[in-house]
Amino acid sequence: MSNTDTAVGFLSGLLLGASAGLLVGLLTAPASGQETRRRWRRRVEDEADDLRRKGRRAAKGASERIGEGIEEGQRQVRKALKHE
């Protein structure tokens, strides 16, 4: 058997397996394609909202820490200037 025959056999099997899997998936799906897409869309939107909330919290925390750092730096500068 040549390499070409082996490759053709492999690709044929791959396509046949993928087609069978797709058919089984469609026949046993618990919801219609439209319903499934709607559920996934809602799930992705919920995850995106969650990530936005986490990002805002992280940014707010970082902003507060930066502000505290600036205030501490200003105190240190004032303290150093008083001792000169």
N, C-alpha and C. Protein backbone atom coordinates (compact mmCIF):
# COMPACT_ATOMS: atom_id res chain seq x y z
N MET A 1 0.85 -1.17 0.00
CA MET A 1 0.00 0.00 0.00
C MET A 1 0.90 1.24 0.00
N SER A 2 0.60 2.20 -0.85
CA SER A 2 1.43 3.40 -0.96
C SER A 2 0.99 4.44 0.06
N ASN A 3 1.83 5.47 0.20
CA ASN A 3 1.50 6.56 1.11
C ASN A 3 0.23 7.28 0.69
N THR A 4 0.00 7.39 -0.62
CA THR A 4 -1.19 8.05 -1.13
C THR A 4 -2.44 7.28 -0.73
N ASP A 5 -2.40 5.95 -0.86
CA ASP A 5 -3.55 5.13 -0.48
C ASP A 5 -3.82 5.26 1.02
N THR A 6 -2.77 5.29 1.79
CA THR A 6 -2.91 5.42 3.24
C THR A 6 -3.54 6.76 3.60
N ALA A 7 -3.07 7.83 2.95
CA ALA A 7 -3.60 9.16 3.23
C ALA A 7 -5.06 9.27 2.82
N VAL A 8 -5.40 8.71 1.66
CA VAL A 8 -6.79 8.75 1.18
C VAL A 8 -7.68 7.96 2.14
N GLY A 9 -7.20 6.81 2.58
CA GLY A 9 -7.97 5.99 3.52
C GLY A 9 -8.18 6.71 4.84
N PHE A 10 -7.13 7.36 5.31
CA PHE A 10 -7.22 8.11 6.57
C PHE A 10 -8.22 9.25 6.44
N LEU A 11 -8.12 10.03 5.36
CA LEU A 11 -9.03 11.17 5.17
C LEU A 11 -10.46 10.70 4.99
N SER A 12 -10.66 9.59 4.29
CA SER A 12 -12.01 9.05 4.11
C SER A 12 -12.60 8.65 5.46
N GLY A 13 -11.79 7.98 6.26
CA GLY A 13 -12.25 7.59 7.59
C GLY A 13 -12.54 8.78 8.47
N LEU A 14 -11.69 9.79 8.36
CA LEU A 14 -11.88 11.01 9.15
C LEU A 14 -13.19 11.69 8.77
N LEU A 15 -13.43 11.83 7.47
CA LEU A 15 -14.68 12.46 7.02
C LEU A 15 -15.89 11.63 7.40
N LEU A 16 -15.80 10.33 7.26
CA LEU A 16 -16.91 9.46 7.63
C LEU A 16 -17.19 9.56 9.13
N GLY A 17 -16.16 9.55 9.95
CA GLY A 17 -16.32 9.66 11.40
C GLY A 17 -16.90 11.01 11.80
N ALA A 18 -16.41 12.08 11.18
CA ALA A 18 -16.92 13.42 11.49
C ALA A 18 -18.39 13.54 11.09
N SER A 19 -18.73 12.99 9.94
CA SER A 19 -20.13 13.04 9.47
C SER A 19 -21.03 12.25 10.41
N ALA A 20 -20.58 11.08 10.82
CA ALA A 20 -21.38 10.26 11.74
C ALA A 20 -21.55 10.97 13.08
N GLY A 21 -20.49 11.58 13.58
CA GLY A 21 -20.57 12.32 14.84
C GLY A 21 -21.52 13.49 14.75
N LEU A 22 -21.48 14.19 13.64
CA LEU A 22 -22.38 15.33 13.43
C LEU A 22 -23.83 14.85 13.40
N LEU A 23 -24.08 13.78 12.68
CA LEU A 23 -25.43 13.24 12.56
C LEU A 23 -25.96 12.80 13.93
N VAL A 24 -25.14 12.07 14.66
CA VAL A 24 -25.56 11.62 15.99
C VAL A 24 -25.81 12.83 16.90
N GLY A 25 -24.95 13.81 16.82
CA GLY A 25 -25.13 15.01 17.63
C GLY A 25 -26.41 15.75 17.31
N LEU A 26 -26.73 15.86 16.05
CA LEU A 26 -27.97 16.53 15.65
C LEU A 26 -29.20 15.75 16.08
N LEU A 27 -29.13 14.44 15.97
CA LEU A 27 -30.29 13.62 16.31
C LEU A 27 -30.53 13.52 17.82
N THR A 28 -29.49 13.65 18.59
CA THR A 28 -29.63 13.50 20.04
C THR A 28 -29.54 14.82 20.79
N ALA A 29 -29.47 15.92 20.09
CA ALA A 29 -29.35 17.23 20.75
C ALA A 29 -30.60 17.49 21.60
N PRO A 30 -30.40 18.01 22.82
CA PRO A 30 -31.54 18.25 23.70
C PRO A 30 -32.38 19.46 23.30
N ALA A 31 -31.85 20.31 22.45
CA ALA A 31 -32.58 21.52 22.05
C ALA A 31 -32.28 21.81 20.58
N SER A 32 -33.10 22.67 20.01
CA SER A 32 -32.89 23.05 18.62
C SER A 32 -31.61 23.88 18.51
N GLY A 33 -31.13 24.03 17.31
CA GLY A 33 -29.92 24.84 17.09
C GLY A 33 -30.12 26.26 17.54
N GLN A 34 -31.31 26.81 17.25
CA GLN A 34 -31.60 28.18 17.64
C GLN A 34 -31.60 28.31 19.17
N GLU A 35 -32.21 27.35 19.85
CA GLU A 35 -32.24 27.38 21.31
C GLU A 35 -30.84 27.22 21.89
N THR A 36 -30.06 26.33 21.31
CA THR A 36 -28.69 26.12 21.78
C THR A 36 -27.85 27.38 21.61
N ARG A 37 -27.97 28.03 20.45
CA ARG A 37 -27.23 29.27 20.22
C ARG A 37 -27.65 30.35 21.20
N ARG A 38 -28.96 30.43 21.48
CA ARG A 38 -29.47 31.42 22.43
C ARG A 38 -28.89 31.16 23.82
N ARG A 39 -28.84 29.90 24.24
CA ARG A 39 -28.28 29.56 25.55
C ARG A 39 -26.81 29.91 25.62
N TRP A 40 -26.05 29.57 24.58
CA TRP A 40 -24.62 29.86 24.55
C TRP A 40 -24.37 31.37 24.56
N ARG A 41 -25.20 32.09 23.78
CA ARG A 41 -25.04 33.54 23.72
C ARG A 41 -25.27 34.14 25.12
N ARG A 42 -26.32 33.68 25.79
CA ARG A 42 -26.62 34.17 27.14
C ARG A 42 -25.48 33.82 28.10
N ARG A 43 -24.96 32.62 27.97
CA ARG A 43 -23.87 32.19 28.85
C ARG A 43 -22.61 33.04 28.61
N VAL A 44 -22.30 33.28 27.35
CA VAL A 44 -21.12 34.11 27.02
C VAL A 44 -21.32 35.54 27.52
N GLU A 45 -22.53 36.08 27.36
CA GLU A 45 -22.81 37.43 27.84
C GLU A 45 -22.67 37.50 29.36
N ASP A 46 -23.17 36.48 30.06
CA ASP A 46 -23.06 36.45 31.51
C ASP A 46 -21.59 36.41 31.94
N GLU A 47 -20.81 35.58 31.26
CA GLU A 47 -19.38 35.49 31.58
C GLU A 47 -18.67 36.83 31.31
N ALA A 48 -19.03 37.47 30.20
CA ALA A 48 -18.43 38.76 29.86
C ALA A 48 -18.79 39.80 30.91
N ASP A 49 -20.05 39.80 31.36
CA ASP A 49 -20.46 40.73 32.41
C ASP A 49 -19.67 40.48 33.69
N ASP A 50 -19.49 39.21 34.03
CA ASP A 50 -18.74 38.85 35.22
C ASP A 50 -17.29 39.34 35.10
N LEU A 51 -16.69 39.13 33.93
CA LEU A 51 -15.31 39.60 33.72
C LEU A 51 -15.22 41.12 33.81
N ARG A 52 -16.22 41.83 33.28
CA ARG A 52 -16.23 43.29 33.38
C ARG A 52 -16.29 43.74 34.83
N ARG A 53 -17.18 43.08 35.63
CA ARG A 53 -17.28 43.43 37.05
C ARG A 53 -15.95 43.18 37.77
N LYS A 54 -15.34 42.05 37.51
CA LYS A 54 -14.06 41.74 38.14
C LYS A 54 -12.99 42.74 37.71
N GLY A 55 -12.99 43.11 36.44
CA GLY A 55 -12.03 44.08 35.94
C GLY A 55 -12.21 45.45 36.58
N ARG A 56 -13.47 45.86 36.73
CA ARG A 56 -13.74 47.15 37.37
C ARG A 56 -13.28 47.15 38.83
N ARG A 57 -13.56 46.03 39.53
CA ARG A 57 -13.13 45.93 40.92
C ARG A 57 -11.61 45.98 41.03
N ALA A 58 -10.94 45.26 40.13
CA ALA A 58 -9.47 45.24 40.15
C ALA A 58 -8.92 46.63 39.85
N ALA A 59 -9.52 47.31 38.88
CA ALA A 59 -9.06 48.65 38.52
C ALA A 59 -9.29 49.63 39.67
N LYS A 60 -10.45 49.50 40.32
CA LYS A 60 -10.75 50.39 41.44
C LYS A 60 -9.76 50.14 42.57
N GLY A 61 -9.48 48.88 42.86
CA GLY A 61 -8.52 48.55 43.92
C GLY A 61 -7.14 49.09 43.59
N ALA A 62 -6.72 48.92 42.34
CA ALA A 62 -5.41 49.42 41.92
C ALA A 62 -5.37 50.93 42.01
N SER A 63 -6.44 51.58 41.60
CA SER A 63 -6.51 53.04 41.66
C SER A 63 -6.41 53.53 43.10
N GLU A 64 -7.11 52.83 44.01
CA GLU A 64 -7.04 53.22 45.41
C GLU A 64 -5.63 53.03 45.97
N ARG A 65 -4.98 51.92 45.61
CA ARG A 65 -3.62 51.69 46.09
C ARG A 65 -2.65 52.72 45.51
N ILE A 66 -2.84 53.10 44.28
CA ILE A 66 -1.99 54.14 43.68
C ILE A 66 -2.19 55.46 44.41
N GLY A 67 -3.46 55.80 44.67
CA GLY A 67 -3.76 57.03 45.40
C GLY A 67 -3.12 57.03 46.78
N GLU A 68 -3.21 55.88 47.46
CA GLU A 68 -2.58 55.77 48.79
C GLU A 68 -1.07 55.92 48.68
N GLY A 69 -0.49 55.34 47.65
CA GLY A 69 0.95 55.45 47.44
C GLY A 69 1.37 56.88 47.18
N ILE A 70 0.58 57.59 46.40
CA ILE A 70 0.89 59.00 46.12
C ILE A 70 0.81 59.82 47.40
N GLU A 71 -0.23 59.59 48.19
CA GLU A 71 -0.38 60.32 49.45
C GLU A 71 0.80 60.03 50.39
N GLU A 72 1.18 58.76 50.48
CA GLU A 72 2.32 58.40 51.33
C GLU A 72 3.59 59.05 50.82
N GLY A 73 3.77 59.07 49.51
CA GLY A 73 4.95 59.73 48.93
C GLY A 73 4.98 61.21 49.26
N GLN A 74 3.81 61.86 49.18
CA GLN A 74 3.73 63.28 49.50
C GLN A 74 4.06 63.52 50.98
N ARG A 75 3.55 62.64 51.86
CA ARG A 75 3.87 62.78 53.29
C ARG A 75 5.37 62.64 53.53
N GLN A 76 5.98 61.69 52.85
CA GLN A 76 7.41 61.46 53.03
C GLN A 76 8.22 62.67 52.53
N VAL A 77 7.79 63.25 51.42
CA VAL A 77 8.48 64.44 50.89
C VAL A 77 8.34 65.59 51.86
N ARG A 78 7.11 65.83 52.39
CA ARG A 78 6.91 66.92 53.35
C ARG A 78 7.75 66.69 54.61
N LYS A 79 7.79 65.44 55.07
CA LYS A 79 8.58 65.10 56.26
C LYS A 79 10.06 65.36 56.00
N ALA A 80 10.55 64.97 54.83
CA ALA A 80 11.96 65.16 54.50
C ALA A 80 12.29 66.65 54.39
N LEU A 81 11.37 67.44 53.84
CA LEU A 81 11.61 68.88 53.69
C LEU A 81 11.62 69.59 55.04
N LYS A 82 10.85 69.10 56.01
CA LYS A 82 10.83 69.71 57.34
C LYS A 82 12.14 69.48 58.07
N HIS A 83 12.78 68.37 57.79
CA HIS A 83 14.02 68.04 58.50
C HIS A 83 15.25 68.68 57.85
N GLU A 84 15.12 69.34 56.78
CA GLU A 84 16.28 69.98 56.13
C GLU A 84 16.61 71.30 56.74
